[in-house]
Amino acid sequence: MLRLVILAILLVVVYFMVRSALRGLLAKRQDHARGELSGQASEMVQDPVCGMFVPKEGALFIRNSDRTYFFCGNSCRDTYEKKLSSV
């Protein structure tokens, strides 16, 4: 009985170690796909609606005449568009 308990504990530990290693590999692959492994920090831009800072590469944006506005998500972009159309 004691052997089964020890075996179960070892299996749980091995499971969490393998899961952690796989998550690390997947995170590195995603970072590499985004180009973040080049050693350069991505430029951060501020959302004019909520004030959140987001990486410029992944941000949604609107070009208005000669200026570009960046947004964290669709809801902030839509709110800004409504604000522009009401003016």
PDB file of N, CA and C in Angstrom:
ATOM      1  N   MET A   1       0.818  -1.193   0.000  1.00  0.00           N
ATOM      2  CA  MET A   1       0.000   0.000   0.000  1.00  0.00           C
ATOM      3  C   MET A   1       0.861   1.255   0.000  1.00  0.00           C
ATOM      4  N   LEU A   2       1.925   1.231   0.814  1.00  0.00           N
ATOM      5  CA  LEU A   2       2.836   2.371   0.874  1.00  0.00           C
ATOM      6  C   LEU A   2       3.515   2.595  -0.473  1.00  0.00           C
ATOM      7  N   ARG A   3       3.834   1.524  -1.160  1.00  0.00           N
ATOM      8  CA  ARG A   3       4.457   1.622  -2.482  1.00  0.00           C
ATOM      9  C   ARG A   3       3.521   2.315  -3.474  1.00  0.00           C
ATOM     10  N   LEU A   4       2.242   2.017  -3.422  1.00  0.00           N
ATOM     11  CA  LEU A   4       1.282   2.647  -4.318  1.00  0.00           C
ATOM     12  C   LEU A   4       1.171   4.147  -4.045  1.00  0.00           C
ATOM     13  N   VAL A   5       1.182   4.538  -2.803  1.00  0.00           N
ATOM     14  CA  VAL A   5       1.108   5.958  -2.443  1.00  0.00           C
ATOM     15  C   VAL A   5       2.349   6.684  -2.952  1.00  0.00           C
ATOM     16  N   ILE A   6       3.518   6.098  -2.747  1.00  0.00           N
ATOM     17  CA  ILE A   6       4.765   6.710  -3.209  1.00  0.00           C
ATOM     18  C   ILE A   6       4.770   6.794  -4.734  1.00  0.00           C
ATOM     19  N   LEU A   7       4.323   5.753  -5.415  1.00  0.00           N
ATOM     20  CA  LEU A   7       4.247   5.745  -6.870  1.00  0.00           C
ATOM     21  C   LEU A   7       3.292   6.828  -7.362  1.00  0.00           C
ATOM     22  N   ALA A   8       2.159   6.983  -6.708  1.00  0.00           N
ATOM     23  CA  ALA A   8       1.191   8.012  -7.101  1.00  0.00           C
ATOM     24  C   ALA A   8       1.780   9.406  -6.932  1.00  0.00           C
ATOM     25  N   ILE A   9       2.483   9.630  -5.841  1.00  0.00           N
ATOM     26  CA  ILE A   9       3.113  10.934  -5.603  1.00  0.00           C
ATOM     27  C   ILE A   9       4.167  11.210  -6.672  1.00  0.00           C
ATOM     28  N   LEU A  10       4.966  10.224  -6.996  1.00  0.00           N
ATOM     29  CA  LEU A  10       5.982  10.385  -8.032  1.00  0.00           C
ATOM     30  C   LEU A  10       5.350  10.680  -9.393  1.00  0.00           C
ATOM     31  N   LEU A  11       4.269  10.009  -9.712  1.00  0.00           N
ATOM     32  CA  LEU A  11       3.587  10.256 -10.987  1.00  0.00           C
ATOM     33  C   LEU A  11       3.043  11.677 -11.056  1.00  0.00           C
ATOM     34  N   VAL A  12       2.505  12.159  -9.960  1.00  0.00           N
ATOM     35  CA  VAL A  12       1.990  13.529  -9.926  1.00  0.00           C
ATOM     36  C   VAL A  12       3.123  14.529 -10.117  1.00  0.00           C
ATOM     37  N   VAL A  13       4.247  14.297  -9.449  1.00  0.00           N
ATOM     38  CA  VAL A  13       5.403  15.189  -9.590  1.00  0.00           C
ATOM     39  C   VAL A  13       5.907  15.179 -11.032  1.00  0.00           C
ATOM     40  N   VAL A  14       6.034  14.022 -11.632  1.00  0.00           N
ATOM     41  CA  VAL A  14       6.491  13.921 -13.018  1.00  0.00           C
ATOM     42  C   VAL A  14       5.509  14.609 -13.954  1.00  0.00           C
ATOM     43  N   TYR A  15       4.223  14.445 -13.719  1.00  0.00           N
ATOM     44  CA  TYR A  15       3.207  15.091 -14.542  1.00  0.00           C
ATOM     45  C   TYR A  15       3.386  16.609 -14.530  1.00  0.00           C
ATOM     46  N   PHE A  16       3.544  17.196 -13.355  1.00  0.00           N
ATOM     47  CA  PHE A  16       3.689  18.654 -13.258  1.00  0.00           C
ATOM     48  C   PHE A  16       5.003  19.127 -13.874  1.00  0.00           C
ATOM     49  N   MET A  17       6.047  18.340 -13.767  1.00  0.00           N
ATOM     50  CA  MET A  17       7.321  18.721 -14.377  1.00  0.00           C
ATOM     51  C   MET A  17       7.214  18.717 -15.898  1.00  0.00           C
ATOM     52  N   VAL A  18       6.593  17.700 -16.457  1.00  0.00           N
ATOM     53  CA  VAL A  18       6.429  17.614 -17.912  1.00  0.00           C
ATOM     54  C   VAL A  18       5.527  18.746 -18.400  1.00  0.00           C
ATOM     55  N   ARG A  19       4.454  19.005 -17.688  1.00  0.00           N
ATOM     56  CA  ARG A  19       3.540  20.078 -18.080  1.00  0.00           C
ATOM     57  C   ARG A  19       4.239  21.436 -18.054  1.00  0.00           C
ATOM     58  N   SER A  20       5.038  21.675 -17.049  1.00  0.00           N
ATOM     59  CA  SER A  20       5.783  22.924 -16.945  1.00  0.00           C
ATOM     60  C   SER A  20       6.790  23.064 -18.092  1.00  0.00           C
ATOM     61  N   ALA A  21       7.477  21.980 -18.404  1.00  0.00           N
ATOM     62  CA  ALA A  21       8.455  22.013 -19.491  1.00  0.00           C
ATOM     63  C   ALA A  21       7.770  22.282 -20.824  1.00  0.00           C
ATOM     64  N   LEU A  22       6.631  21.665 -21.076  1.00  0.00           N
ATOM     65  CA  LEU A  22       5.906  21.890 -22.328  1.00  0.00           C
ATOM     66  C   LEU A  22       5.404  23.327 -22.428  1.00  0.00           C
ATOM     67  N   ARG A  23       4.919  23.881 -21.336  1.00  0.00           N
ATOM     68  CA  ARG A  23       4.477  25.275 -21.352  1.00  0.00           C
ATOM     69  C   ARG A  23       5.641  26.204 -21.667  1.00  0.00           C
ATOM     70  N   GLY A  24       6.802  25.922 -21.120  1.00  0.00           N
ATOM     71  CA  GLY A  24       7.981  26.731 -21.396  1.00  0.00           C
ATOM     72  C   GLY A  24       8.373  26.676 -22.860  1.00  0.00           C
ATOM     73  N   LEU A  25       8.319  25.494 -23.444  1.00  0.00           N
ATOM     74  CA  LEU A  25       8.645  25.354 -24.858  1.00  0.00           C
ATOM     75  C   LEU A  25       7.638  26.079 -25.734  1.00  0.00           C
ATOM     76  N   LEU A  26       6.360  25.968 -25.414  1.00  0.00           N
ATOM     77  CA  LEU A  26       5.337  26.645 -26.198  1.00  0.00           C
ATOM     78  C   LEU A  26       5.458  28.166 -26.071  1.00  0.00           C
ATOM     79  N   ALA A  27       5.784  28.654 -24.899  1.00  0.00           N
ATOM     80  CA  ALA A  27       5.948  30.099 -24.706  1.00  0.00           C
ATOM     81  C   ALA A  27       7.128  30.610 -25.519  1.00  0.00           C
ATOM     82  N   LYS A  28       8.226  29.859 -25.551  1.00  0.00           N
ATOM     83  CA  LYS A  28       9.375  30.270 -26.348  1.00  0.00           C
ATOM     84  C   LYS A  28       9.017  30.295 -27.825  1.00  0.00           C
ATOM     85  N   ARG A  29       8.253  29.320 -28.277  1.00  0.00           N
ATOM     86  CA  ARG A  29       7.853  29.270 -29.682  1.00  0.00           C
ATOM     87  C   ARG A  29       6.977  30.468 -30.030  1.00  0.00           C
ATOM     88  N   GLN A  30       6.053  30.837 -29.150  1.00  0.00           N
ATOM     89  CA  GLN A  30       5.181  31.984 -29.404  1.00  0.00           C
ATOM     90  C   GLN A  30       5.980  33.279 -29.388  1.00  0.00           C
ATOM     91  N   ASP A  31       6.918  33.409 -28.458  1.00  0.00           N
ATOM     92  CA  ASP A  31       7.757  34.604 -28.414  1.00  0.00           C
ATOM     93  C   ASP A  31       8.589  34.720 -29.681  1.00  0.00           C
ATOM     94  N   HIS A  32       9.104  33.597 -30.143  1.00  0.00           N
ATOM     95  CA  HIS A  32       9.913  33.612 -31.354  1.00  0.00           C
ATOM     96  C   HIS A  32       9.060  34.004 -32.555  1.00  0.00           C
ATOM     97  N   ALA A  33       7.826  33.521 -32.610  1.00  0.00           N
ATOM     98  CA  ALA A  33       6.932  33.872 -33.704  1.00  0.00           C
ATOM     99  C   ALA A  33       6.616  35.365 -33.704  1.00  0.00           C
ATOM    100  N   ARG A  34       6.606  35.986 -32.540  1.00  0.00           N
ATOM    101  CA  ARG A  34       6.344  37.416 -32.438  1.00  0.00           C
ATOM    102  C   ARG A  34       7.599  38.247 -32.669  1.00  0.00           C
ATOM    103  N   GLY A  35       8.741  37.604 -32.742  1.00  0.00           N
ATOM    104  CA  GLY A  35       9.983  38.328 -32.949  1.00  0.00           C
ATOM    105  C   GLY A  35      10.558  38.935 -31.691  1.00  0.00           C
ATOM    106  N   GLU A  36      10.139  38.470 -30.530  1.00  0.00           N
ATOM    107  CA  GLU A  36      10.599  39.049 -29.281  1.00  0.00           C
ATOM    108  C   GLU A  36      11.930  38.483 -28.820  1.00  0.00           C
ATOM    109  N   LEU A  37      12.437  37.466 -29.482  1.00  0.00           N
ATOM    110  CA  LEU A  37      13.701  36.887 -29.074  1.00  0.00           C
ATOM    111  C   LEU A  37      14.886  37.611 -29.696  1.00  0.00           C
ATOM    112  N   SER A  38      14.628  38.640 -30.478  1.00  0.00           N
ATOM    113  CA  SER A  38      15.703  39.354 -31.133  1.00  0.00           C
ATOM    114  C   SER A  38      16.484  40.225 -30.162  1.00  0.00           C
ATOM    115  N   GLY A  39      16.012  40.365 -28.930  1.00  0.00           N
ATOM    116  CA  GLY A  39      16.706  41.170 -27.950  1.00  0.00           C
ATOM    117  C   GLY A  39      16.237  42.607 -27.919  1.00  0.00           C
ATOM    118  N   GLN A  40      15.375  42.983 -28.849  1.00  0.00           N
ATOM    119  CA  GLN A  40      14.868  44.345 -28.882  1.00  0.00           C
ATOM    120  C   GLN A  40      13.552  44.408 -28.123  1.00  0.00           C
ATOM    121  N   ALA A  41      13.428  45.418 -27.293  1.00  0.00           N
ATOM    122  CA  ALA A  41      12.175  45.608 -26.571  1.00  0.00           C
ATOM    123  C   ALA A  41      11.162  46.221 -27.519  1.00  0.00           C
ATOM    124  N   SER A  42       9.931  45.733 -27.455  1.00  0.00           N
ATOM    125  CA  SER A  42       8.906  46.279 -28.329  1.00  0.00           C
ATOM    126  C   SER A  42       8.443  47.628 -27.789  1.00  0.00           C
ATOM    127  N   GLU A  43       8.101  48.512 -28.697  1.00  0.00           N
ATOM    128  CA  GLU A  43       7.646  49.846 -28.304  1.00  0.00           C
ATOM    129  C   GLU A  43       6.241  49.746 -27.715  1.00  0.00           C
ATOM    130  N   MET A  44       6.032  50.424 -26.605  1.00  0.00           N
ATOM    131  CA  MET A  44       4.731  50.432 -25.944  1.00  0.00           C
ATOM    132  C   MET A  44       4.000  51.722 -26.307  1.00  0.00           C
ATOM    133  N   VAL A  45       2.706  51.600 -26.586  1.00  0.00           N
ATOM    134  CA  VAL A  45       1.874  52.753 -26.898  1.00  0.00           C
ATOM    135  C   VAL A  45       0.694  52.769 -25.943  1.00  0.00           C
ATOM    136  N   GLN A  46       0.143  53.961 -25.705  1.00  0.00           N
ATOM    137  CA  GLN A  46      -0.943  54.093 -24.740  1.00  0.00           C
ATOM    138  C   GLN A  46      -2.273  54.216 -25.461  1.00  0.00           C
ATOM    139  N   ASP A  47      -3.237  53.436 -25.004  1.00  0.00           N
ATOM    140  CA  ASP A  47      -4.605  53.490 -25.513  1.00  0.00           C
ATOM    141  C   ASP A  47      -5.228  54.813 -25.053  1.00  0.00           C
ATOM    142  N   PRO A  48      -5.766  55.633 -25.983  1.00  0.00           N
ATOM    143  CA  PRO A  48      -6.332  56.920 -25.584  1.00  0.00           C
ATOM    144  C   PRO A  48      -7.655  56.806 -24.831  1.00  0.00           C
ATOM    145  N   VAL A  49      -8.300  55.656 -24.881  1.00  0.00           N
ATOM    146  CA  VAL A  49      -9.590  55.490 -24.212  1.00  0.00           C
ATOM    147  C   VAL A  49      -9.415  55.058 -22.761  1.00  0.00           C
ATOM    148  N   CYS A  50      -8.721  53.939 -22.545  1.00  0.00           N
ATOM    149  CA  CYS A  50      -8.596  53.402 -21.185  1.00  0.00           C
ATOM    150  C   CYS A  50      -7.259  53.710 -20.529  1.00  0.00           C
ATOM    151  N   GLY A  51      -6.275  54.168 -21.317  1.00  0.00           N
ATOM    152  CA  GLY A  51      -4.976  54.518 -20.760  1.00  0.00           C
ATOM    153  C   GLY A  51      -4.017  53.352 -20.604  1.00  0.00           C
ATOM    154  N   MET A  52      -4.416  52.180 -21.057  1.00  0.00           N
ATOM    155  CA  MET A  52      -3.573  50.992 -20.923  1.00  0.00           C
ATOM    156  C   MET A  52      -2.425  51.042 -21.933  1.00  0.00           C
ATOM    157  N   PHE A  53      -1.248  50.566 -21.523  1.00  0.00           N
ATOM    158  CA  PHE A  53      -0.112  50.482 -22.431  1.00  0.00           C
ATOM    159  C   PHE A  53      -0.090  49.103 -23.070  1.00  0.00           C
ATOM    160  N   VAL A  54       0.079  49.067 -24.399  1.00  0.00           N
ATOM    161  CA  VAL A  54       0.108  47.815 -25.148  1.00  0.00           C
ATOM    162  C   VAL A  54       1.294  47.832 -26.109  1.00  0.00           C
ATOM    163  N   PRO A  55       1.817  46.647 -26.482  1.00  0.00           N
ATOM    164  CA  PRO A  55       2.894  46.614 -27.475  1.00  0.00           C
ATOM    165  C   PRO A  55       2.381  47.107 -28.826  1.00  0.00           C
ATOM    166  N   LYS A  56       3.144  47.943 -29.471  1.00  0.00           N
ATOM    167  CA  LYS A  56       2.723  48.549 -30.726  1.00  0.00           C
ATOM    168  C   LYS A  56       2.459  47.497 -31.809  1.00  0.00           C
ATOM    169  N   GLU A  57       3.255  46.422 -31.824  1.00  0.00           N
ATOM    170  CA  GLU A  57       3.112  45.413 -32.874  1.00  0.00           C
ATOM    171  C   GLU A  57       1.764  44.711 -32.833  1.00  0.00           C
ATOM    172  N   GLY A  58       1.208  44.477 -31.658  1.00  0.00           N
ATOM    173  CA  GLY A  58      -0.031  43.723 -31.552  1.00  0.00           C
ATOM    174  C   GLY A  58      -1.262  44.578 -31.332  1.00  0.00           C
ATOM    175  N   ALA A  59      -1.101  45.897 -31.314  1.00  0.00           N
ATOM    176  CA  ALA A  59      -2.228  46.774 -30.992  1.00  0.00           C
ATOM    177  C   ALA A  59      -3.113  47.018 -32.207  1.00  0.00           C
ATOM    178  N   LEU A  60      -4.392  47.216 -31.936  1.00  0.00           N
ATOM    179  CA  LEU A  60      -5.321  47.658 -32.973  1.00  0.00           C
ATOM    180  C   LEU A  60      -5.095  49.145 -33.179  1.00  0.00           C
ATOM    181  N   PHE A  61      -5.383  49.649 -34.375  1.00  0.00           N
ATOM    182  CA  PHE A  61      -5.117  51.065 -34.604  1.00  0.00           C
ATOM    183  C   PHE A  61      -6.124  51.672 -35.574  1.00  0.00           C
ATOM    184  N   ILE A  62      -6.176  53.005 -35.545  1.00  0.00           N
ATOM    185  CA  ILE A  62      -6.966  53.806 -36.479  1.00  0.00           C
ATOM    186  C   ILE A  62      -6.062  54.922 -36.966  1.00  0.00           C
ATOM    187  N   ARG A  63      -6.054  55.136 -38.270  1.00  0.00           N
ATOM    188  CA  ARG A  63      -5.300  56.271 -38.821  1.00  0.00           C
ATOM    189  C   ARG A  63      -6.293  57.391 -39.081  1.00  0.00           C
ATOM    190  N   ASN A  64      -6.031  58.526 -38.472  1.00  0.00           N
ATOM    191  CA  ASN A  64      -6.896  59.695 -38.611  1.00  0.00           C
ATOM    192  C   ASN A  64      -6.034  60.833 -39.138  1.00  0.00           C
ATOM    193  N   SER A  65      -6.233  61.198 -40.377  1.00  0.00           N
ATOM    194  CA  SER A  65      -5.431  62.190 -41.108  1.00  0.00           C
ATOM    195  C   SER A  65      -3.949  61.832 -41.009  1.00  0.00           C
ATOM    196  N   ASP A  66      -3.153  62.575 -40.271  1.00  0.00           N
ATOM    197  CA  ASP A  66      -1.717  62.299 -40.205  1.00  0.00           C
ATOM    198  C   ASP A  66      -1.298  61.614 -38.904  1.00  0.00           C
ATOM    199  N   ARG A  67      -2.243  61.189 -38.091  1.00  0.00           N
ATOM    200  CA  ARG A  67      -1.934  60.602 -36.789  1.00  0.00           C
ATOM    201  C   ARG A  67      -2.502  59.183 -36.694  1.00  0.00           C
ATOM    202  N   THR A  68      -1.801  58.315 -35.982  1.00  0.00           N
ATOM    203  CA  THR A  68      -2.252  56.943 -35.757  1.00  0.00           C
ATOM    204  C   THR A  68      -2.530  56.762 -34.275  1.00  0.00           C
ATOM    205  N   TYR A  69      -3.702  56.224 -33.959  1.00  0.00           N
ATOM    206  CA  TYR A  69      -4.108  55.952 -32.579  1.00  0.00           C
ATOM    207  C   TYR A  69      -4.134  54.445 -32.370  1.00  0.00           C
ATOM    208  N   PHE A  70      -3.541  53.987 -31.274  1.00  0.00           N
ATOM    209  CA  PHE A  70      -3.450  52.562 -30.979  1.00  0.00           C
ATOM    210  C   PHE A  70      -4.379  52.213 -29.825  1.00  0.00           C
ATOM    211  N   PHE A  71      -4.954  50.985 -29.879  1.00  0.00           N
ATOM    212  CA  PHE A  71      -5.940  50.555 -28.894  1.00  0.00           C
ATOM    213  C   PHE A  71      -5.632  49.153 -28.390  1.00  0.00           C
ATOM    214  N   CYS A  72      -6.045  48.895 -27.134  1.00  0.00           N
ATOM    215  CA  CYS A  72      -5.796  47.586 -26.528  1.00  0.00           C
ATOM    216  C   CYS A  72      -6.765  46.526 -27.037  1.00  0.00           C
ATOM    217  N   GLY A  73      -7.949  46.929 -27.453  1.00  0.00           N
ATOM    218  CA  GLY A  73      -8.935  45.959 -27.904  1.00  0.00           C
ATOM    219  C   GLY A  73     -10.033  46.605 -28.731  1.00  0.00           C
ATOM    220  N   ASN A  74     -10.950  45.758 -29.190  1.00  0.00           N
ATOM    221  CA  ASN A  74     -12.048  46.233 -30.044  1.00  0.00           C
ATOM    222  C   ASN A  74     -12.968  47.209 -29.331  1.00  0.00           C
ATOM    223  N   SER A  75     -13.228  46.980 -28.047  1.00  0.00           N
ATOM    224  CA  SER A  75     -14.175  47.856 -27.350  1.00  0.00           C
ATOM    225  C   SER A  75     -13.631  49.279 -27.241  1.00  0.00           C
ATOM    226  N   CYS A  76     -12.357  49.429 -26.960  1.00  0.00           N
ATOM    227  CA  CYS A  76     -11.761  50.772 -26.887  1.00  0.00           C
ATOM    228  C   CYS A  76     -11.732  51.422 -28.267  1.00  0.00           C
ATOM    229  N   ARG A  77     -11.413  50.646 -29.282  1.00  0.00           N
ATOM    230  CA  ARG A  77     -11.395  51.202 -30.640  1.00  0.00           C
ATOM    231  C   ARG A  77     -12.787  51.653 -31.058  1.00  0.00           C
ATOM    232  N   ASP A  78     -13.804  50.826 -30.764  1.00  0.00           N
ATOM    233  CA  ASP A  78     -15.178  51.185 -31.117  1.00  0.00           C
ATOM    234  C   ASP A  78     -15.646  52.425 -30.359  1.00  0.00           C
ATOM    235  N   THR A  79     -15.278  52.510 -29.081  1.00  0.00           N
ATOM    236  CA  THR A  79     -15.639  53.689 -28.279  1.00  0.00           C
ATOM    237  C   THR A  79     -15.016  54.942 -28.881  1.00  0.00           C
ATOM    238  N   TYR A  80     -13.767  54.849 -29.303  1.00  0.00           N
ATOM    239  CA  TYR A  80     -13.084  56.002 -29.904  1.00  0.00           C
ATOM    240  C   TYR A  80     -13.720  56.384 -31.234  1.00  0.00           C
ATOM    241  N   GLU A  81     -14.074  55.382 -32.038  1.00  0.00           N
ATOM    242  CA  GLU A  81     -14.736  55.660 -33.324  1.00  0.00           C
ATOM    243  C   GLU A  81     -16.069  56.353 -33.114  1.00  0.00           C
ATOM    244  N   LYS A  82     -16.850  55.914 -32.115  1.00  0.00           N
ATOM    245  CA  LYS A  82     -18.119  56.570 -31.818  1.00  0.00           C
ATOM    246  C   LYS A  82     -17.900  58.005 -31.382  1.00  0.00           C
ATOM    247  N   LYS A  83     -16.853  58.219 -30.595  1.00  0.00           N
ATOM    248  CA  LYS A  83     -16.529  59.571 -30.133  1.00  0.00           C
ATOM    249  C   LYS A  83     -16.170  60.473 -31.327  1.00  0.00           C
ATOM    250  N   LEU A  84     -15.402  59.929 -32.289  1.00  0.00           N
ATOM    251  CA  LEU A  84     -15.036  60.694 -33.466  1.00  0.00           C
ATOM    252  C   LEU A  84     -16.242  61.003 -34.349  1.00  0.00           C
ATOM    253  N   SER A  85     -17.138  60.042 -34.497  1.00  0.00           N
ATOM    254  CA  SER A  85     -18.305  60.258 -35.358  1.00  0.00           C
ATOM    255  C   SER A  85     -19.313  61.227 -34.743  1.00  0.00           C
ATOM    256  N   SER A  86     -19.338  61.350 -33.431  1.00  0.00           N
ATOM    257  CA  SER A  86     -20.284  62.267 -32.782  1.00  0.00           C
ATOM    258  C   SER A  86     -19.787  63.701 -32.796  1.00  0.00           C
ATOM    259  N   VAL A  87     -18.496  63.900 -33.076  1.00  0.00           N
ATOM    260  CA  VAL A  87     -17.941  65.268 -33.065  1.00  0.00           C
ATOM    261  C   VAL A  87     -18.162  65.947 -34.374  1.00  0.00           C
TER     262      VAL A  87
END
